[in-house]
Structures are given as C-alpha cells and as structure tokens.
Amino acid sequence: MTSLLDEPSLGMALLLFGGCALVIGVVGTRLTGIVDDLADRTGLGEAIAGAVLLGMATSLSGIVVSVSAALADRPTLAMSNALGGIAVQTLFLTIADITHRRANLEHAAASLGNLMQAGLLLCLLSLVLVGRFAPEWTLWQVHPVTPLLLLGYLFGLRLVDRSRDNPMWRPAQTRETQPDVPDERAMKRSATRLWLSFVALAAMLGISGWLLERCAAVIAEQTGLGQSVVGALMTAVVTSLPELVTSVAAVRRGALTLAVAGIIGGNAFDTLFVAASDIAYRGGSVYHAIPDTVALWVALSLLMTGILMVGMIHRERQGPGRIGFESVGIIACYLAGALALLLGP
C-alpha cells in the first residue's frame, strides 16, 4: 500500500489534492473570525492584523508548496505557485467586491494602510523582476535580491504601522465607508485562547501545503500539463482559497478593511515565497531557473496591483455590473494570463 511519503498514483494524488483543498478552505474560514477578534483584542487594527496575521497564516500552505518544490529541484513549480498565487488572490478580491453589494468594496474599505500595502507589494514585485533580469550572481547559492525582498518587506510593514499611528493622509468618509471599529464582544474573549486557536489552524494549513506539493508534482508529471500550468492554475488557486473564504467572510462580518488587507497583505507576504524558494533551491538563482511563462505572472501581478491601487484612490462607488472598474480590469488581466499560459509553448 502506497504511503504518503512515497510517490502516490495519479488517482491518489488527485484525491489528496481535493482533500487538501477542502481542509484549506474550511480552516481559512475559521481563521477570519479569530484574526478579526485578535485585531480588536490586541489593538493591532484590521489593516495590520489582516496584513501580518491573516496574510501570513493563510499563506502557510503556499509557502510550504514553494519551498518543498524548490528543495526537490522543481523551481518552475515553486515560482509558478508563488507568483500565480499573488495573481489569483488579487482576482479573489473581485469576488469579495461582488459579495459586497452596497457599494464598490475598494470605496467602502478605504484605508491608508491598504494603500501603503499596495505600494509595498508593487516594490516587492519589482524586485522580483530585478532579480530575473540582473546578472546571475549568487552567494552560497542565494541571489542578492533575496535578502532585499526580506528587508523591503519588514521595512514596509514598519512604515505601514507608523502611518497608522501618525497618518499624514486620510480617505474622505462617505455613507458607504466602513470604519475599523473594535467589536466589544472580541474584548471579552481570552487572548490566550485566540492565539492558541490561531496557531493550531495555521499548522493545519502548513501540513496541507506539504501534501499538496507532493500531489502537484505527480499531477504535473503524469498528466503532461507541466509545472507552470499546475503551479499557476492549480496549486496557486488551492493554496489561495483561504484568502477567498476569509475575504468573503470578512465582508459578511462587516470587517471590510480586513477583507482588503488580508488579500493585499497576503500578496506582499507571498513575495517572500520567492525569497524562501531561492534559499531552498540549490541549483543557483531561482530567478533565472524559470521560463518566460512564469515570469509573465510577475508582470501581470504588477499590472493587477496597479489597477487595484488606482481603484482604491479613485474610489468609484458603483461601476460595471455594480463592481468597480478595477475589478473588471483585474478579471480581464487574469483571464488573459491564464489563456497565454495554456496556449503557450
């Protein structure tokens, strides 16, 4: 009988893949309420809690997939999972926008923290492109861009936190704007119990990610789809399910800032998948070990984030199909990228 440590058959791989998707989706739903309560209980606020706690926790399965793939000398799968995840999570924000029927979500969740996170994400994605086109220099098999990604992420979080304490810019308040106001019920819950629940659920996501990588490698090899397609359109979607369910759940809870921050903050954290993959990959620079079809997702993610950022600044109340123009643009970008990947060489 085949164990989980051996290479499973295609049927078993597909079955495990579906099971991991279910676990990731259910756990992601549970995480939203816990992080929302932690944001109020600890005083972090929804923007910071969404970016750091929710973003990191929901990204655990994804980073395990990328690091495991890099260690197994599958850099294409590692990078396509990381970069495809950023694109699909941005796409998921349009689903949350559709769920919030009262007004365009980016209008109602106007937040300086979210704008700062979007700017940080643009910088980090640009660094990934710099690594792709820079000389293939490495120190101990690690490219110089990798530590810059980590330092840039930490410095960006510090700026976001400082801007929250001493904002130099504020969005105009409208009838549809949903402010980040602490919930009195959250203040009555035990902080210790909330943290323990958070850690347990995050661990479940990490284990699911490890199983998912093994299944994805088998699916890519035995179906002939290739690591680029499986990574960008399968594992990236599955490991991003927590961002979808947490964003929709946050919208339904009225935590609109958390809904947007969880996606944008999660995307900023997901750029560290690339850094972690470069460290894990022993074949040199992981930035230079990927095909152009994978590098395309960096450019698409930059474009989608730029469109989102413009939408958050413009703050259109209602757009085509009762969603913002930015949601329409993001959907078009993702579909074009998926089509290019499927029809490419």
Protein backbone atom coordinates (compact mmCIF):
# COMPACT_ATOMS: atom_id res chain seq x y z
CA MET A 1 0.00 0.00 0.00
CA THR A 2 1.36 3.41 -1.00
CA SER A 3 2.20 5.67 1.93
CA LEU A 4 2.09 9.46 1.91
CA LEU A 5 5.90 9.50 1.94
CA ASP A 6 6.09 7.53 -1.33
CA GLU A 7 5.08 8.91 -4.72
CA PRO A 8 1.30 8.40 -4.94
CA SER A 9 -0.53 7.29 -8.06
CA LEU A 10 -2.35 9.88 -10.16
CA GLY A 11 -5.72 8.87 -8.72
CA MET A 12 -4.44 9.08 -5.15
CA ALA A 13 -2.72 12.40 -5.94
CA LEU A 14 -5.96 13.90 -7.27
CA LEU A 15 -7.87 12.59 -4.25
CA LEU A 16 -5.34 14.05 -1.79
CA PHE A 17 -5.27 17.28 -3.79
CA GLY A 18 -9.04 17.63 -3.38
CA GLY A 19 -8.85 16.76 0.32
CA CYS A 20 -6.17 19.39 0.93
CA ALA A 21 -8.28 21.95 -0.92
CA LEU A 22 -11.21 21.17 1.39
CA VAL A 23 -9.08 21.45 4.55
CA ILE A 24 -7.51 24.71 3.39
CA GLY A 25 -10.91 26.21 2.57
CA VAL A 26 -12.53 25.24 5.89
CA VAL A 27 -9.56 26.32 8.01
CA GLY A 28 -9.36 29.62 6.14
CA THR A 29 -12.97 30.37 7.03
CA ARG A 30 -12.31 29.75 10.71
CA LEU A 31 -9.25 31.99 10.68
CA THR A 32 -11.18 35.12 9.68
CA GLY A 33 -13.19 35.40 12.87
CA ILE A 34 -10.16 34.64 15.04
CA VAL A 35 -7.96 37.27 13.37
CA ASP A 36 -10.78 39.84 13.43
CA ASP A 37 -11.13 39.30 17.20
CA LEU A 38 -7.36 39.39 17.68
CA ALA A 39 -7.22 42.69 15.80
CA ASP A 40 -9.65 44.19 18.32
CA ARG A 41 -8.30 42.33 21.37
CA THR A 42 -4.65 43.29 20.77
CA GLY A 43 -5.27 46.77 19.36
CA LEU A 44 -3.44 45.95 16.11
CA GLY A 45 -6.32 47.13 13.93
CA GLU A 46 -7.75 45.33 10.91
CA ALA A 47 -5.20 46.63 8.37
CA ILE A 48 -2.15 45.39 10.31
CA ALA A 49 -3.82 42.18 11.55
CA GLY A 50 -5.02 41.41 8.03
CA ALA A 51 -1.60 42.01 6.50
CA VAL A 52 0.51 40.25 9.13
CA LEU A 53 -1.59 37.62 10.96
CA LEU A 54 -4.18 36.73 8.33
CA GLY A 55 -1.81 37.25 5.43
CA MET A 56 0.92 35.04 6.91
CA ALA A 57 -1.36 32.31 8.23
CA THR A 58 -3.37 31.91 5.03
CA SER A 59 -0.11 31.86 3.06
CA LEU A 60 1.46 28.99 5.04
CA SER A 61 0.22 26.24 2.73
CA GLY A 62 1.51 28.18 -0.27
CA ILE A 63 4.99 28.79 1.13
CA VAL A 64 5.30 25.12 2.08
CA VAL A 65 4.43 24.16 -1.51
CA SER A 66 7.05 26.54 -2.97
CA VAL A 67 9.84 25.62 -0.54
CA SER A 68 9.17 21.87 -0.89
CA ALA A 69 9.23 22.19 -4.68
CA ALA A 70 12.48 24.17 -4.61
CA LEU A 71 14.13 21.61 -2.32
CA ALA A 72 13.03 18.87 -4.73
CA ASP A 73 14.69 20.73 -7.65
CA ARG A 74 11.37 21.86 -9.15
CA PRO A 75 11.95 25.66 -9.42
CA THR A 76 9.25 26.15 -12.07
CA LEU A 77 6.58 24.69 -9.77
CA ALA A 78 7.92 26.70 -6.82
CA MET A 79 7.84 30.03 -8.64
CA SER A 80 4.62 29.49 -10.59
CA ASN A 81 2.86 28.61 -7.33
CA ALA A 82 4.20 31.76 -5.64
CA LEU A 83 3.55 34.20 -8.47
CA GLY A 84 0.31 32.60 -9.65
CA GLY A 85 -0.95 32.81 -6.07
CA ILE A 86 -0.46 36.60 -5.99
CA ALA A 87 -2.42 36.98 -9.21
CA VAL A 88 -5.29 34.69 -8.21
CA GLN A 89 -5.59 36.28 -4.77
CA THR A 90 -5.97 39.66 -6.41
CA LEU A 91 -8.66 38.09 -8.60
CA PHE A 92 -10.39 36.79 -5.46
CA LEU A 93 -10.75 40.38 -4.26
CA THR A 94 -13.16 40.94 -7.15
CA ILE A 95 -15.34 38.09 -5.79
CA ALA A 96 -15.41 39.82 -2.40
CA ASP A 97 -16.34 43.01 -4.26
CA ILE A 98 -19.27 41.20 -5.89
CA THR A 99 -20.33 39.92 -2.46
CA HIS A 100 -20.47 43.46 -1.05
CA ARG A 101 -23.48 44.74 -2.99
CA ARG A 102 -23.94 48.05 -1.17
CA ALA A 103 -21.02 49.74 -2.92
CA ASN A 104 -17.65 49.04 -4.54
CA LEU A 105 -15.54 47.29 -1.89
CA GLU A 106 -12.46 49.42 -2.60
CA HIS A 107 -14.60 52.51 -1.99
CA ALA A 108 -16.10 51.25 1.26
CA ALA A 109 -12.82 49.87 2.66
CA ALA A 110 -10.75 53.00 2.02
CA SER A 111 -7.69 52.79 4.25
CA LEU A 112 -4.24 54.35 4.32
CA GLY A 113 -2.85 51.00 5.48
CA ASN A 114 -4.25 49.21 2.44
CA LEU A 115 -2.80 51.83 0.09
CA MET A 116 0.58 51.52 1.79
CA GLN A 117 0.42 47.73 1.49
CA ALA A 118 -0.37 48.00 -2.23
CA GLY A 119 2.61 50.30 -2.72
CA LEU A 120 4.82 47.86 -0.81
CA LEU A 121 3.59 44.99 -2.99
CA LEU A 122 4.48 46.92 -6.16
CA CYS A 123 8.01 47.47 -4.84
CA LEU A 124 8.49 43.82 -3.89
CA LEU A 125 7.20 42.53 -7.23
CA SER A 126 9.54 44.95 -8.99
CA LEU A 127 12.44 43.48 -7.01
CA VAL A 128 11.49 40.02 -8.26
CA LEU A 129 11.73 41.34 -11.83
CA VAL A 130 15.09 42.93 -11.00
CA GLY A 131 16.31 39.52 -9.86
CA ARG A 132 15.04 37.96 -13.07
CA PHE A 133 16.96 40.36 -15.35
CA ALA A 134 20.01 41.06 -13.15
CA PRO A 135 23.25 39.08 -13.60
CA GLU A 136 23.11 35.56 -12.22
CA TRP A 137 25.27 36.31 -9.18
CA THR A 138 24.88 34.20 -6.06
CA LEU A 139 26.48 33.92 -2.64
CA TRP A 140 26.08 30.42 -1.14
CA GLN A 141 23.60 29.75 -3.98
CA VAL A 142 21.43 32.75 -2.93
CA HIS A 143 20.82 35.73 -5.23
CA PRO A 144 21.40 39.26 -3.75
CA VAL A 145 17.76 40.19 -4.41
CA THR A 146 16.57 37.59 -1.88
CA PRO A 147 17.73 39.43 1.30
CA LEU A 148 16.48 42.69 -0.26
CA LEU A 149 12.99 41.17 -0.51
CA LEU A 150 13.00 40.30 3.19
CA LEU A 151 14.39 43.68 4.27
CA GLY A 152 11.98 45.53 1.99
CA TYR A 153 9.02 43.61 3.41
CA LEU A 154 9.99 44.30 7.04
CA PHE A 155 10.71 47.98 6.35
CA GLY A 156 7.38 48.32 4.53
CA LEU A 157 5.47 46.81 7.47
CA ARG A 158 7.19 49.29 9.77
CA LEU A 159 6.08 52.18 7.56
CA VAL A 160 2.51 50.86 7.49
CA ASP A 161 2.44 50.63 11.28
CA ARG A 162 3.88 54.13 11.70
CA SER A 163 1.39 55.60 9.23
CA ARG A 164 -1.45 54.07 11.26
CA ASP A 165 -0.22 55.73 14.45
CA ASN A 166 0.52 59.08 12.81
CA PRO A 167 -1.35 59.29 9.48
CA MET A 168 -0.43 62.09 7.07
CA TRP A 169 -3.35 61.27 4.75
CA ARG A 170 -6.94 60.18 5.39
CA PRO A 171 -9.64 58.95 2.99
CA ALA A 172 -12.82 61.01 2.77
CA GLN A 173 -15.65 59.39 4.74
CA THR A 174 -18.88 58.64 2.88
CA ARG A 175 -22.12 56.82 3.69
CA GLU A 176 -20.66 53.58 2.32
CA THR A 177 -17.32 53.82 4.17
CA GLN A 178 -16.98 51.14 6.83
CA PRO A 179 -14.60 52.33 9.61
CA ASP A 180 -12.42 49.92 11.58
CA VAL A 181 -14.18 49.99 14.97
CA PRO A 182 -13.33 47.39 17.68
CA ASP A 183 -16.05 44.86 18.44
CA GLU A 184 -16.96 44.83 22.13
CA ARG A 185 -17.60 41.07 22.01
CA ALA A 186 -14.00 40.45 20.94
CA MET A 187 -12.70 42.30 24.01
CA LYS A 188 -14.36 39.70 26.25
CA ARG A 189 -12.65 36.71 24.63
CA SER A 190 -9.47 35.20 26.08
CA ALA A 191 -6.39 36.40 24.18
CA THR A 192 -4.54 33.17 25.05
CA ARG A 193 -7.31 31.02 23.64
CA LEU A 194 -7.45 33.13 20.48
CA TRP A 195 -3.69 32.79 19.94
CA LEU A 196 -3.76 29.02 20.52
CA SER A 197 -6.59 28.62 18.01
CA PHE A 198 -4.70 30.76 15.53
CA VAL A 199 -1.51 28.66 15.83
CA ALA A 200 -3.39 25.35 15.54
CA LEU A 201 -5.25 26.39 12.40
CA ALA A 202 -2.08 27.82 10.85
CA ALA A 203 -0.28 24.49 11.48
CA MET A 204 -3.06 22.63 9.64
CA LEU A 205 -2.53 24.90 6.63
CA GLY A 206 1.20 24.18 6.66
CA ILE A 207 0.71 20.39 6.70
CA SER A 208 -1.83 20.65 3.88
CA GLY A 209 0.69 22.60 1.82
CA TRP A 210 3.32 19.87 2.24
CA LEU A 211 0.90 17.21 0.98
CA LEU A 212 -0.24 19.48 -1.83
CA GLU A 213 3.27 19.87 -3.26
CA ARG A 214 3.76 16.11 -3.50
CA CYS A 215 0.40 15.73 -5.24
CA ALA A 216 1.10 18.62 -7.63
CA ALA A 217 4.42 17.11 -8.74
CA VAL A 218 2.70 13.81 -9.59
CA ILE A 219 -0.16 15.55 -11.43
CA ALA A 220 2.25 17.69 -13.47
CA GLU A 221 4.34 14.68 -14.50
CA GLN A 222 1.63 12.09 -15.16
CA THR A 223 -0.86 14.36 -16.94
CA GLY A 224 1.72 16.18 -19.05
CA LEU A 225 0.32 19.57 -18.05
CA GLY A 226 3.72 20.77 -16.86
CA GLN A 227 4.81 22.51 -13.68
CA SER A 228 3.93 26.01 -14.93
CA VAL A 229 0.25 25.19 -15.52
CA VAL A 230 -0.14 23.06 -12.38
CA GLY A 231 1.65 25.64 -10.23
CA ALA A 232 -0.04 28.80 -11.53
CA LEU A 233 -3.55 27.46 -12.14
CA MET A 234 -3.92 24.58 -9.65
CA THR A 235 -1.75 24.78 -6.52
CA ALA A 236 -1.82 28.60 -6.60
CA VAL A 237 -5.63 28.57 -6.65
CA VAL A 238 -5.95 25.93 -3.92
CA THR A 239 -3.38 27.50 -1.57
CA SER A 240 -5.11 30.85 -2.14
CA LEU A 241 -8.54 29.52 -1.11
CA PRO A 242 -8.09 30.85 2.47
CA GLU A 243 -7.76 34.37 1.06
CA LEU A 244 -11.02 33.90 -0.86
CA VAL A 245 -13.04 32.49 2.01
CA THR A 246 -11.57 34.88 4.59
CA SER A 247 -12.24 37.91 2.39
CA VAL A 248 -15.83 36.91 1.69
CA ALA A 249 -16.36 36.02 5.37
CA ALA A 250 -14.85 39.35 6.43
CA VAL A 251 -17.20 41.24 4.11
CA ARG A 252 -20.17 39.42 5.62
CA ARG A 253 -18.92 40.27 9.13
CA GLY A 254 -18.68 43.93 8.11
CA ALA A 255 -14.87 43.89 8.50
CA LEU A 256 -14.27 45.47 5.09
CA THR A 257 -10.79 46.82 5.84
CA LEU A 258 -9.75 43.33 6.97
CA ALA A 259 -11.13 41.83 3.74
CA VAL A 260 -8.95 44.03 1.54
CA ALA A 261 -5.93 43.97 3.89
CA GLY A 262 -5.95 40.17 4.02
CA ILE A 263 -5.58 39.99 0.23
CA ILE A 264 -3.05 42.80 -0.27
CA GLY A 265 -1.07 41.94 2.87
CA GLY A 266 -1.12 38.27 1.92
CA ASN A 267 0.19 39.14 -1.53
CA ALA A 268 3.04 41.19 -0.04
CA PHE A 269 3.95 38.27 2.21
CA ASP A 270 3.69 35.87 -0.75
CA THR A 271 6.60 37.62 -2.47
CA LEU A 272 8.68 36.07 0.32
CA PHE A 273 7.78 32.67 -1.22
CA VAL A 274 10.24 33.67 -3.93
CA ALA A 275 12.94 34.52 -1.38
CA ALA A 276 12.34 31.26 0.52
CA SER A 277 12.42 29.28 -2.74
CA ASP A 278 15.73 30.88 -3.73
CA ILE A 279 17.26 29.87 -0.40
CA ALA A 280 15.87 26.32 -0.68
CA TYR A 281 16.89 25.87 -4.33
CA ARG A 282 20.43 24.51 -4.57
CA GLY A 283 20.84 24.93 -8.32
CA GLY A 284 21.78 28.62 -8.20
CA SER A 285 19.49 31.61 -8.66
CA VAL A 286 15.84 30.55 -8.74
CA TYR A 287 15.03 33.81 -10.56
CA HIS A 288 16.98 32.57 -13.59
CA ALA A 289 15.67 28.99 -13.44
CA ILE A 290 12.12 29.80 -14.53
CA PRO A 291 10.65 30.08 -18.05
CA ASP A 292 9.15 33.25 -19.51
CA THR A 293 5.62 31.90 -18.97
CA VAL A 294 6.21 32.05 -15.22
CA ALA A 295 7.93 35.46 -15.36
CA LEU A 296 4.80 36.73 -17.15
CA TRP A 297 2.88 36.35 -13.88
CA VAL A 298 5.18 38.88 -12.20
CA ALA A 299 4.26 41.46 -14.84
CA LEU A 300 0.57 40.56 -14.61
CA SER A 301 0.63 40.84 -10.81
CA LEU A 302 2.25 44.27 -11.10
CA LEU A 303 -0.44 45.37 -13.54
CA MET A 304 -3.30 43.96 -11.45
CA THR A 305 -1.96 45.58 -8.26
CA GLY A 306 -1.50 48.91 -10.05
CA ILE A 307 -5.11 48.77 -11.28
CA LEU A 308 -6.28 47.92 -7.74
CA MET A 309 -4.30 50.79 -6.25
CA VAL A 310 -5.77 53.28 -8.74
CA GLY A 311 -9.22 51.94 -7.86
CA MET A 312 -8.62 52.46 -4.13
CA ILE A 313 -7.52 56.05 -4.75
CA HIS A 314 -10.32 56.87 -7.23
CA ARG A 315 -12.95 55.18 -5.02
CA GLU A 316 -15.70 54.65 -7.56
CA ARG A 317 -18.98 53.94 -5.72
CA GLN A 318 -20.55 51.79 -8.45
CA GLY A 319 -19.08 50.57 -11.72
CA PRO A 320 -19.86 48.00 -14.43
CA GLY A 321 -22.00 45.19 -13.05
CA ARG A 322 -22.21 47.04 -9.72
CA ILE A 323 -18.50 46.45 -9.11
CA GLY A 324 -15.58 48.83 -9.53
CA PHE A 325 -13.77 49.34 -12.84
CA GLU A 326 -10.68 47.94 -11.13
CA SER A 327 -12.43 44.59 -10.59
CA VAL A 328 -13.31 44.40 -14.29
CA GLY A 329 -9.70 45.18 -15.22
CA ILE A 330 -8.28 42.60 -12.79
CA ILE A 331 -10.57 39.87 -14.15
CA ALA A 332 -9.51 40.68 -17.72
CA CYS A 333 -5.80 40.58 -16.79
CA TYR A 334 -6.08 37.21 -15.06
CA LEU A 335 -8.05 35.59 -17.88
CA ALA A 336 -5.52 36.88 -20.41
CA GLY A 337 -2.65 35.44 -18.34
CA ALA A 338 -4.35 32.04 -17.96
CA LEU A 339 -5.03 31.92 -21.69
CA ALA A 340 -1.41 32.79 -22.51
CA LEU A 341 -0.19 30.05 -20.16
CA LEU A 342 -2.48 27.37 -21.56
CA LEU A 343 -1.79 28.25 -25.22
CA GLY A 344 1.90 28.95 -24.79
CA PRO A 345 4.72 26.58 -25.74
